[in-house]
Amino acid sequence: MNSPINTPWKKVVQVRPLDNFSLELIWEDNKKSQIGLDELIQKKELLWRLRYPRYFRQVAVDELGGIFWPEGEDLSPEFLLHHCCRP
């Protein structure tokens, strides 16, 4: 998904769920990175739905370059950029 909205921050344009509650992110500059969310999901009670692999795999990119799930859980592009190893 390439967002027509211009933003001052770097945006995720594609997301792919991986094993062990990790995600592969593709940024608007075509760089790839991975982020592991297992620890965050276990610590934050608000993210309890993400503990179910079938639900976790429903991740998508929003129009501002963050990621979200069907019931409203979301992570901003700034959070993702800060916590990825190689954006």
PDB file of N, CA and C in Angstrom:
ATOM      1  N   MET A   1       0.848  -1.172   0.000  1.00  0.00           N
ATOM      2  CA  MET A   1       0.000   0.000   0.000  1.00  0.00           C
ATOM      3  C   MET A   1       0.886   1.226   0.000  1.00  0.00           C
ATOM      4  N   ASN A   2       0.743   2.060  -0.966  1.00  0.00           N
ATOM      5  CA  ASN A   2       1.480   3.308  -1.016  1.00  0.00           C
ATOM      6  C   ASN A   2       0.519   4.431  -0.701  1.00  0.00           C
ATOM      7  N   SER A   3       0.733   5.098   0.391  1.00  0.00           N
ATOM      8  CA  SER A   3      -0.180   6.125   0.861  1.00  0.00           C
ATOM      9  C   SER A   3      -0.027   7.408   0.054  1.00  0.00           C
ATOM     10  N   PRO A   4      -1.145   7.979  -0.405  1.00  0.00           N
ATOM     11  CA  PRO A   4      -1.079   9.256  -1.099  1.00  0.00           C
ATOM     12  C   PRO A   4      -0.863  10.422  -0.141  1.00  0.00           C
ATOM     13  N   ILE A   5      -0.913  10.161   1.153  1.00  0.00           N
ATOM     14  CA  ILE A   5      -0.740  11.206   2.149  1.00  0.00           C
ATOM     15  C   ILE A   5       0.751  11.450   2.380  1.00  0.00           C
ATOM     16  N   ASN A   6       1.169  12.693   2.184  1.00  0.00           N
ATOM     17  CA  ASN A   6       2.562  13.052   2.457  1.00  0.00           C
ATOM     18  C   ASN A   6       2.721  13.316   3.946  1.00  0.00           C
ATOM     19  N   THR A   7       3.777  12.748   4.515  1.00  0.00           N
ATOM     20  CA  THR A   7       4.049  12.920   5.938  1.00  0.00           C
ATOM     21  C   THR A   7       5.526  13.270   6.122  1.00  0.00           C
ATOM     22  N   PRO A   8       5.849  13.943   7.220  1.00  0.00           N
ATOM     23  CA  PRO A   8       7.253  14.245   7.483  1.00  0.00           C
ATOM     24  C   PRO A   8       8.026  13.045   8.031  1.00  0.00           C
ATOM     25  N   TRP A   9       7.336  11.967   8.354  1.00  0.00           N
ATOM     26  CA  TRP A   9       7.996  10.780   8.894  1.00  0.00           C
ATOM     27  C   TRP A   9       8.049   9.680   7.838  1.00  0.00           C
ATOM     28  N   LYS A  10       8.946   8.757   8.090  1.00  0.00           N
ATOM     29  CA  LYS A  10       9.108   7.588   7.228  1.00  0.00           C
ATOM     30  C   LYS A  10       7.947   6.634   7.470  1.00  0.00           C
ATOM     31  N   LYS A  11       7.381   6.076   6.385  1.00  0.00           N
ATOM     32  CA  LYS A  11       6.195   5.235   6.495  1.00  0.00           C
ATOM     33  C   LYS A  11       6.477   3.789   6.099  1.00  0.00           C
ATOM     34  N   VAL A  12       5.760   2.891   6.745  1.00  0.00           N
ATOM     35  CA  VAL A  12       5.721   1.490   6.335  1.00  0.00           C
ATOM     36  C   VAL A  12       4.752   1.414   5.156  1.00  0.00           C
ATOM     37  N   VAL A  13       5.113   0.659   4.113  1.00  0.00           N
ATOM     38  CA  VAL A  13       4.214   0.491   2.976  1.00  0.00           C
ATOM     39  C   VAL A  13       3.720  -0.948   2.834  1.00  0.00           C
ATOM     40  N   GLN A  14       4.428  -1.891   3.452  1.00  0.00           N
ATOM     41  CA  GLN A  14       3.995  -3.293   3.450  1.00  0.00           C
ATOM     42  C   GLN A  14       4.403  -3.937   4.766  1.00  0.00           C
ATOM     43  N   VAL A  15       3.583  -4.884   5.202  1.00  0.00           N
ATOM     44  CA  VAL A  15       3.894  -5.643   6.413  1.00  0.00           C
ATOM     45  C   VAL A  15       3.567  -7.100   6.148  1.00  0.00           C
ATOM     46  N   ARG A  16       4.419  -7.965   6.673  1.00  0.00           N
ATOM     47  CA  ARG A  16       4.213  -9.409   6.515  1.00  0.00           C
ATOM     48  C   ARG A  16       4.456 -10.074   7.867  1.00  0.00           C
ATOM     49  N   PRO A  17       3.463 -10.802   8.384  1.00  0.00           N
ATOM     50  CA  PRO A  17       3.663 -11.492   9.652  1.00  0.00           C
ATOM     51  C   PRO A  17       4.634 -12.664   9.486  1.00  0.00           C
ATOM     52  N   LEU A  18       5.447 -12.853  10.485  1.00  0.00           N
ATOM     53  CA  LEU A  18       6.411 -13.952  10.529  1.00  0.00           C
ATOM     54  C   LEU A  18       6.110 -14.816  11.751  1.00  0.00           C
ATOM     55  N   ASP A  19       6.885 -15.856  11.939  1.00  0.00           N
ATOM     56  CA  ASP A  19       6.730 -16.705  13.120  1.00  0.00           C
ATOM     57  C   ASP A  19       7.145 -15.952  14.377  1.00  0.00           C
ATOM     58  N   ASN A  20       6.734 -16.469  15.511  1.00  0.00           N
ATOM     59  CA  ASN A  20       7.137 -15.959  16.823  1.00  0.00           C
ATOM     60  C   ASN A  20       6.764 -14.499  17.047  1.00  0.00           C
ATOM     61  N   PHE A  21       5.610 -14.100  16.531  1.00  0.00           N
ATOM     62  CA  PHE A  21       5.080 -12.751  16.733  1.00  0.00           C
ATOM     63  C   PHE A  21       6.046 -11.664  16.261  1.00  0.00           C
ATOM     64  N   SER A  22       6.632 -11.915  15.123  1.00  0.00           N
ATOM     65  CA  SER A  22       7.517 -10.944  14.474  1.00  0.00           C
ATOM     66  C   SER A  22       6.874 -10.474  13.172  1.00  0.00           C
ATOM     67  N   LEU A  23       7.336  -9.335  12.699  1.00  0.00           N
ATOM     68  CA  LEU A  23       6.839  -8.772  11.450  1.00  0.00           C
ATOM     69  C   LEU A  23       7.995  -8.357  10.566  1.00  0.00           C
ATOM     70  N   GLU A  24       7.819  -8.524   9.274  1.00  0.00           N
ATOM     71  CA  GLU A  24       8.743  -7.939   8.316  1.00  0.00           C
ATOM     72  C   GLU A  24       8.064  -6.675   7.792  1.00  0.00           C
ATOM     73  N   LEU A  25       8.800  -5.572   7.850  1.00  0.00           N
ATOM     74  CA  LEU A  25       8.282  -4.292   7.401  1.00  0.00           C
ATOM     75  C   LEU A  25       9.038  -3.846   6.164  1.00  0.00           C
ATOM     76  N   ILE A  26       8.329  -3.303   5.205  1.00  0.00           N
ATOM     77  CA  ILE A  26       8.961  -2.667   4.051  1.00  0.00           C
ATOM     78  C   ILE A  26       8.602  -1.192   4.133  1.00  0.00           C
ATOM     79  N   TRP A  27       9.634  -0.361   4.127  1.00  0.00           N
ATOM     80  CA  TRP A  27       9.473   1.081   4.273  1.00  0.00           C
ATOM     81  C   TRP A  27       9.333   1.734   2.903  1.00  0.00           C
ATOM     82  N   GLU A  28       8.905   2.978   2.885  1.00  0.00           N
ATOM     83  CA  GLU A  28       8.675   3.680   1.624  1.00  0.00           C
ATOM     84  C   GLU A  28       9.932   3.832   0.777  1.00  0.00           C
ATOM     85  N   ASP A  29      11.117   3.702   1.368  1.00  0.00           N
ATOM     86  CA  ASP A  29      12.366   3.754   0.599  1.00  0.00           C
ATOM     87  C   ASP A  29      12.816   2.354   0.165  1.00  0.00           C
ATOM     88  N   ASN A  30      11.918   1.370   0.287  1.00  0.00           N
ATOM     89  CA  ASN A  30      12.131  -0.038  -0.087  1.00  0.00           C
ATOM     90  C   ASN A  30      13.083  -0.797   0.827  1.00  0.00           C
ATOM     91  N   LYS A  31      13.488  -0.212   1.928  1.00  0.00           N
ATOM     92  CA  LYS A  31      14.314  -0.945   2.894  1.00  0.00           C
ATOM     93  C   LYS A  31      13.402  -1.859   3.711  1.00  0.00           C
ATOM     94  N   LYS A  32      13.963  -3.007   4.086  1.00  0.00           N
ATOM     95  CA  LYS A  32      13.227  -3.986   4.889  1.00  0.00           C
ATOM     96  C   LYS A  32      13.799  -4.023   6.298  1.00  0.00           C
ATOM     97  N   SER A  33      12.941  -4.310   7.253  1.00  0.00           N
ATOM     98  CA  SER A  33      13.390  -4.522   8.622  1.00  0.00           C
ATOM     99  C   SER A  33      12.456  -5.519   9.278  1.00  0.00           C
ATOM    100  N   GLN A  34      12.889  -6.026  10.410  1.00  0.00           N
ATOM    101  CA  GLN A  34      12.065  -6.954  11.185  1.00  0.00           C
ATOM    102  C   GLN A  34      11.926  -6.424  12.596  1.00  0.00           C
ATOM    103  N   ILE A  35      10.780  -6.711  13.168  1.00  0.00           N
ATOM    104  CA  ILE A  35      10.538  -6.329  14.555  1.00  0.00           C
ATOM    105  C   ILE A  35       9.851  -7.494  15.256  1.00  0.00           C
ATOM    106  N   GLY A  36      10.344  -7.828  16.429  1.00  0.00           N
ATOM    107  CA  GLY A  36       9.737  -8.863  17.257  1.00  0.00           C
ATOM    108  C   GLY A  36       8.828  -8.207  18.288  1.00  0.00           C
ATOM    109  N   LEU A  37       7.577  -8.627  18.339  1.00  0.00           N
ATOM    110  CA  LEU A  37       6.613  -8.008  19.246  1.00  0.00           C
ATOM    111  C   LEU A  37       6.211  -8.897  20.413  1.00  0.00           C
ATOM    112  N   ASP A  38       6.795 -10.065  20.537  1.00  0.00           N
ATOM    113  CA  ASP A  38       6.386 -11.015  21.570  1.00  0.00           C
ATOM    114  C   ASP A  38       6.449 -10.406  22.971  1.00  0.00           C
ATOM    115  N   GLU A  39       7.545  -9.775  23.317  1.00  0.00           N
ATOM    116  CA  GLU A  39       7.694  -9.201  24.659  1.00  0.00           C
ATOM    117  C   GLU A  39       6.655  -8.102  24.908  1.00  0.00           C
ATOM    118  N   LEU A  40       6.460  -7.238  23.950  1.00  0.00           N
ATOM    119  CA  LEU A  40       5.477  -6.161  24.082  1.00  0.00           C
ATOM    120  C   LEU A  40       4.065  -6.726  24.244  1.00  0.00           C
ATOM    121  N   ILE A  41       3.734  -7.719  23.442  1.00  0.00           N
ATOM    122  CA  ILE A  41       2.402  -8.329  23.497  1.00  0.00           C
ATOM    123  C   ILE A  41       2.159  -8.977  24.857  1.00  0.00           C
ATOM    124  N   GLN A  42       3.178  -9.617  25.419  1.00  0.00           N
ATOM    125  CA  GLN A  42       3.018 -10.279  26.718  1.00  0.00           C
ATOM    126  C   GLN A  42       2.900  -9.267  27.854  1.00  0.00           C
ATOM    127  N   LYS A  43       3.568  -8.113  27.725  1.00  0.00           N
ATOM    128  CA  LYS A  43       3.562  -7.110  28.798  1.00  0.00           C
ATOM    129  C   LYS A  43       2.309  -6.239  28.800  1.00  0.00           C
ATOM    130  N   LYS A  44       1.788  -5.906  27.641  1.00  0.00           N
ATOM    131  CA  LYS A  44       0.683  -4.952  27.533  1.00  0.00           C
ATOM    132  C   LYS A  44      -0.652  -5.678  27.451  1.00  0.00           C
ATOM    133  N   GLU A  45      -1.442  -5.572  28.503  1.00  0.00           N
ATOM    134  CA  GLU A  45      -2.739  -6.248  28.552  1.00  0.00           C
ATOM    135  C   GLU A  45      -3.664  -5.783  27.432  1.00  0.00           C
ATOM    136  N   LEU A  46      -3.533  -4.542  27.002  1.00  0.00           N
ATOM    137  CA  LEU A  46      -4.370  -4.022  25.919  1.00  0.00           C
ATOM    138  C   LEU A  46      -4.146  -4.759  24.600  1.00  0.00           C
ATOM    139  N   LEU A  47      -3.025  -5.425  24.463  1.00  0.00           N
ATOM    140  CA  LEU A  47      -2.698  -6.142  23.227  1.00  0.00           C
ATOM    141  C   LEU A  47      -3.009  -7.640  23.321  1.00  0.00           C
ATOM    142  N   TRP A  48      -3.890  -8.027  24.221  1.00  0.00           N
ATOM    143  CA  TRP A  48      -4.144  -9.451  24.477  1.00  0.00           C
ATOM    144  C   TRP A  48      -4.575 -10.220  23.235  1.00  0.00           C
ATOM    145  N   ARG A  49      -5.302  -9.593  22.333  1.00  0.00           N
ATOM    146  CA  ARG A  49      -5.749 -10.312  21.128  1.00  0.00           C
ATOM    147  C   ARG A  49      -4.575 -10.751  20.257  1.00  0.00           C
ATOM    148  N   LEU A  50      -3.511  -9.969  20.287  1.00  0.00           N
ATOM    149  CA  LEU A  50      -2.349 -10.274  19.445  1.00  0.00           C
ATOM    150  C   LEU A  50      -1.625 -11.538  19.888  1.00  0.00           C
ATOM    151  N   ARG A  51      -1.960 -12.053  21.046  1.00  0.00           N
ATOM    152  CA  ARG A  51      -1.350 -13.299  21.534  1.00  0.00           C
ATOM    153  C   ARG A  51      -1.839 -14.520  20.754  1.00  0.00           C
ATOM    154  N   TYR A  52      -2.882 -14.346  19.949  1.00  0.00           N
ATOM    155  CA  TYR A  52      -3.436 -15.420  19.140  1.00  0.00           C
ATOM    156  C   TYR A  52      -2.877 -15.318  17.727  1.00  0.00           C
ATOM    157  N   PRO A  53      -2.076 -16.300  17.314  1.00  0.00           N
ATOM    158  CA  PRO A  53      -1.407 -16.220  16.010  1.00  0.00           C
ATOM    159  C   PRO A  53      -2.349 -15.925  14.833  1.00  0.00           C
ATOM    160  N   ARG A  54      -3.521 -16.508  14.837  1.00  0.00           N
ATOM    161  CA  ARG A  54      -4.456 -16.278  13.728  1.00  0.00           C
ATOM    162  C   ARG A  54      -4.847 -14.793  13.637  1.00  0.00           C
ATOM    163  N   TYR A  55      -5.067 -14.177  14.772  1.00  0.00           N
ATOM    164  CA  TYR A  55      -5.398 -12.749  14.806  1.00  0.00           C
ATOM    165  C   TYR A  55      -4.167 -11.906  14.468  1.00  0.00           C
ATOM    166  N   PHE A  56      -3.021 -12.254  15.027  1.00  0.00           N
ATOM    167  CA  PHE A  56      -1.782 -11.512  14.778  1.00  0.00           C
ATOM    168  C   PHE A  56      -1.508 -11.398  13.282  1.00  0.00           C
ATOM    169  N   ARG A  57      -1.799 -12.458  12.527  1.00  0.00           N
ATOM    170  CA  ARG A  57      -1.533 -12.473  11.085  1.00  0.00           C
ATOM    171  C   ARG A  57      -2.454 -11.548  10.290  1.00  0.00           C
ATOM    172  N   GLN A  58      -3.439 -10.936  10.927  1.00  0.00           N
ATOM    173  CA  GLN A  58      -4.357 -10.022  10.231  1.00  0.00           C
ATOM    174  C   GLN A  58      -3.834  -8.588  10.188  1.00  0.00           C
ATOM    175  N   VAL A  59      -2.588  -8.401  10.475  1.00  0.00           N
ATOM    176  CA  VAL A  59      -1.969  -7.074  10.483  1.00  0.00           C
ATOM    177  C   VAL A  59      -2.042  -6.428   9.094  1.00  0.00           C
ATOM    178  N   ALA A  60      -2.172  -5.111   9.077  1.00  0.00           N
ATOM    179  CA  ALA A  60      -2.220  -4.358   7.822  1.00  0.00           C
ATOM    180  C   ALA A  60      -1.562  -2.993   8.042  1.00  0.00           C
ATOM    181  N   VAL A  61      -1.307  -2.293   6.939  1.00  0.00           N
ATOM    182  CA  VAL A  61      -0.705  -0.953   6.979  1.00  0.00           C
ATOM    183  C   VAL A  61      -1.811   0.088   6.899  1.00  0.00           C
ATOM    184  N   ASP A  62      -1.724   1.122   7.735  1.00  0.00           N
ATOM    185  CA  ASP A  62      -2.710   2.197   7.651  1.00  0.00           C
ATOM    186  C   ASP A  62      -2.210   3.302   6.728  1.00  0.00           C
ATOM    187  N   GLU A  63      -3.063   4.256   6.420  1.00  0.00           N
ATOM    188  CA  GLU A  63      -2.727   5.287   5.434  1.00  0.00           C
ATOM    189  C   GLU A  63      -1.652   6.262   5.900  1.00  0.00           C
ATOM    190  N   LEU A  64      -1.353   6.283   7.198  1.00  0.00           N
ATOM    191  CA  LEU A  64      -0.295   7.160   7.700  1.00  0.00           C
ATOM    192  C   LEU A  64       1.033   6.435   7.875  1.00  0.00           C
ATOM    193  N   GLY A  65       1.087   5.161   7.462  1.00  0.00           N
ATOM    194  CA  GLY A  65       2.343   4.422   7.501  1.00  0.00           C
ATOM    195  C   GLY A  65       2.607   3.637   8.752  1.00  0.00           C
ATOM    196  N   GLY A  66       1.622   3.513   9.611  1.00  0.00           N
ATOM    197  CA  GLY A  66       1.727   2.649  10.780  1.00  0.00           C
ATOM    198  C   GLY A  66       1.087   1.305  10.452  1.00  0.00           C
ATOM    199  N   ILE A  67       0.940   0.465  11.460  1.00  0.00           N
ATOM    200  CA  ILE A  67       0.286  -0.827  11.253  1.00  0.00           C
ATOM    201  C   ILE A  67      -0.872  -0.957  12.229  1.00  0.00           C
ATOM    202  N   PHE A  68      -1.850  -1.811  11.860  1.00  0.00           N
ATOM    203  CA  PHE A  68      -3.017  -1.983  12.711  1.00  0.00           C
ATOM    204  C   PHE A  68      -3.609  -3.372  12.534  1.00  0.00           C
ATOM    205  N   TRP A  69      -4.497  -3.710  13.465  1.00  0.00           N
ATOM    206  CA  TRP A  69      -5.247  -4.958  13.437  1.00  0.00           C
ATOM    207  C   TRP A  69      -6.737  -4.637  13.454  1.00  0.00           C
ATOM    208  N   PRO A  70      -7.588  -5.589  13.088  1.00  0.00           N
ATOM    209  CA  PRO A  70      -9.027  -5.325  12.914  1.00  0.00           C
ATOM    210  C   PRO A  70      -9.760  -4.716  14.114  1.00  0.00           C
ATOM    211  N   GLU A  71      -9.370  -5.059  15.322  1.00  0.00           N
ATOM    212  CA  GLU A  71     -10.097  -4.556  16.495  1.00  0.00           C
ATOM    213  C   GLU A  71      -9.514  -3.264  17.061  1.00  0.00           C
ATOM    214  N   GLY A  72      -8.587  -2.632  16.327  1.00  0.00           N
ATOM    215  CA  GLY A  72      -8.118  -1.305  16.719  1.00  0.00           C
ATOM    216  C   GLY A  72      -6.714  -1.218  17.296  1.00  0.00           C
ATOM    217  N   GLU A  73      -6.057  -2.329  17.539  1.00  0.00           N
ATOM    218  CA  GLU A  73      -4.688  -2.260  18.018  1.00  0.00           C
ATOM    219  C   GLU A  73      -3.833  -1.648  16.904  1.00  0.00           C
ATOM    220  N   ASP A  74      -2.905  -0.760  17.272  1.00  0.00           N
ATOM    221  CA  ASP A  74      -2.060  -0.163  16.246  1.00  0.00           C
ATOM    222  C   ASP A  74      -0.706   0.241  16.813  1.00  0.00           C
ATOM    223  N   LEU A  75       0.250   0.373  15.912  1.00  0.00           N
ATOM    224  CA  LEU A  75       1.590   0.835  16.260  1.00  0.00           C
ATOM    225  C   LEU A  75       1.977   1.904  15.250  1.00  0.00           C
ATOM    226  N   SER A  76       2.483   3.002  15.750  1.00  0.00           N
ATOM    227  CA  SER A  76       2.818   4.138  14.894  1.00  0.00           C
ATOM    228  C   SER A  76       4.099   3.878  14.100  1.00  0.00           C
ATOM    229  N   PRO A  77       4.284   4.615  13.006  1.00  0.00           N
ATOM    230  CA  PRO A  77       5.531   4.474  12.252  1.00  0.00           C
ATOM    231  C   PRO A  77       6.745   4.871  13.097  1.00  0.00           C
ATOM    232  N   GLU A  78       6.577   5.853  13.973  1.00  0.00           N
ATOM    233  CA  GLU A  78       7.692   6.281  14.830  1.00  0.00           C
ATOM    234  C   GLU A  78       8.115   5.163  15.778  1.00  0.00           C
ATOM    235  N   PHE A  79       7.130   4.492  16.384  1.00  0.00           N
ATOM    236  CA  PHE A  79       7.423   3.364  17.268  1.00  0.00           C
ATOM    237  C   PHE A  79       8.160   2.276  16.501  1.00  0.00           C
ATOM    238  N   LEU A  80       7.647   1.940  15.342  1.00  0.00           N
ATOM    239  CA  LEU A  80       8.241   0.871  14.535  1.00  0.00           C
ATOM    240  C   LEU A  80       9.667   1.226  14.124  1.00  0.00           C
ATOM    241  N   LEU A  81       9.879   2.435  13.686  1.00  0.00           N
ATOM    242  CA  LEU A  81      11.215   2.864  13.270  1.00  0.00           C
ATOM    243  C   LEU A  81      12.189   2.808  14.444  1.00  0.00           C
ATOM    244  N   HIS A  82      11.739   3.263  15.584  1.00  0.00           N
ATOM    245  CA  HIS A  82      12.596   3.277  16.772  1.00  0.00           C
ATOM    246  C   HIS A  82      12.956   1.861  17.253  1.00  0.00           C
ATOM    247  N   HIS A  83      12.050   0.913  17.092  1.00  0.00           N
ATOM    248  CA  HIS A  83      12.267  -0.442  17.627  1.00  0.00           C
ATOM    249  C   HIS A  83      12.764  -1.467  16.615  1.00  0.00           C
ATOM    250  N   CYS A  84      12.888  -1.071  15.375  1.00  0.00           N
ATOM    251  CA  CYS A  84      13.420  -1.996  14.367  1.00  0.00           C
ATOM    252  C   CYS A  84      14.936  -1.965  14.379  1.00  0.00           C
ATOM    253  N   CYS A  85      15.514  -3.095  14.026  1.00  0.00           N
ATOM    254  CA  CYS A  85      16.973  -3.140  14.005  1.00  0.00           C
ATOM    255  C   CYS A  85      17.562  -2.479  12.769  1.00  0.00           C
ATOM    256  N   ARG A  86      16.957  -2.668  11.612  1.00  0.00           N
ATOM    257  CA  ARG A  86      17.551  -2.119  10.394  1.00  0.00           C
ATOM    258  C   ARG A  86      16.509  -1.484   9.488  1.00  0.00           C
ATOM    259  N   PRO A  87      15.946  -0.345   9.817  1.00  0.00           N
ATOM    260  CA  PRO A  87      14.978   0.270   8.911  1.00  0.00           C
ATOM    261  C   PRO A  87      15.664   0.871   7.697  1.00  0.00           C
TER     262      PRO A  87
END
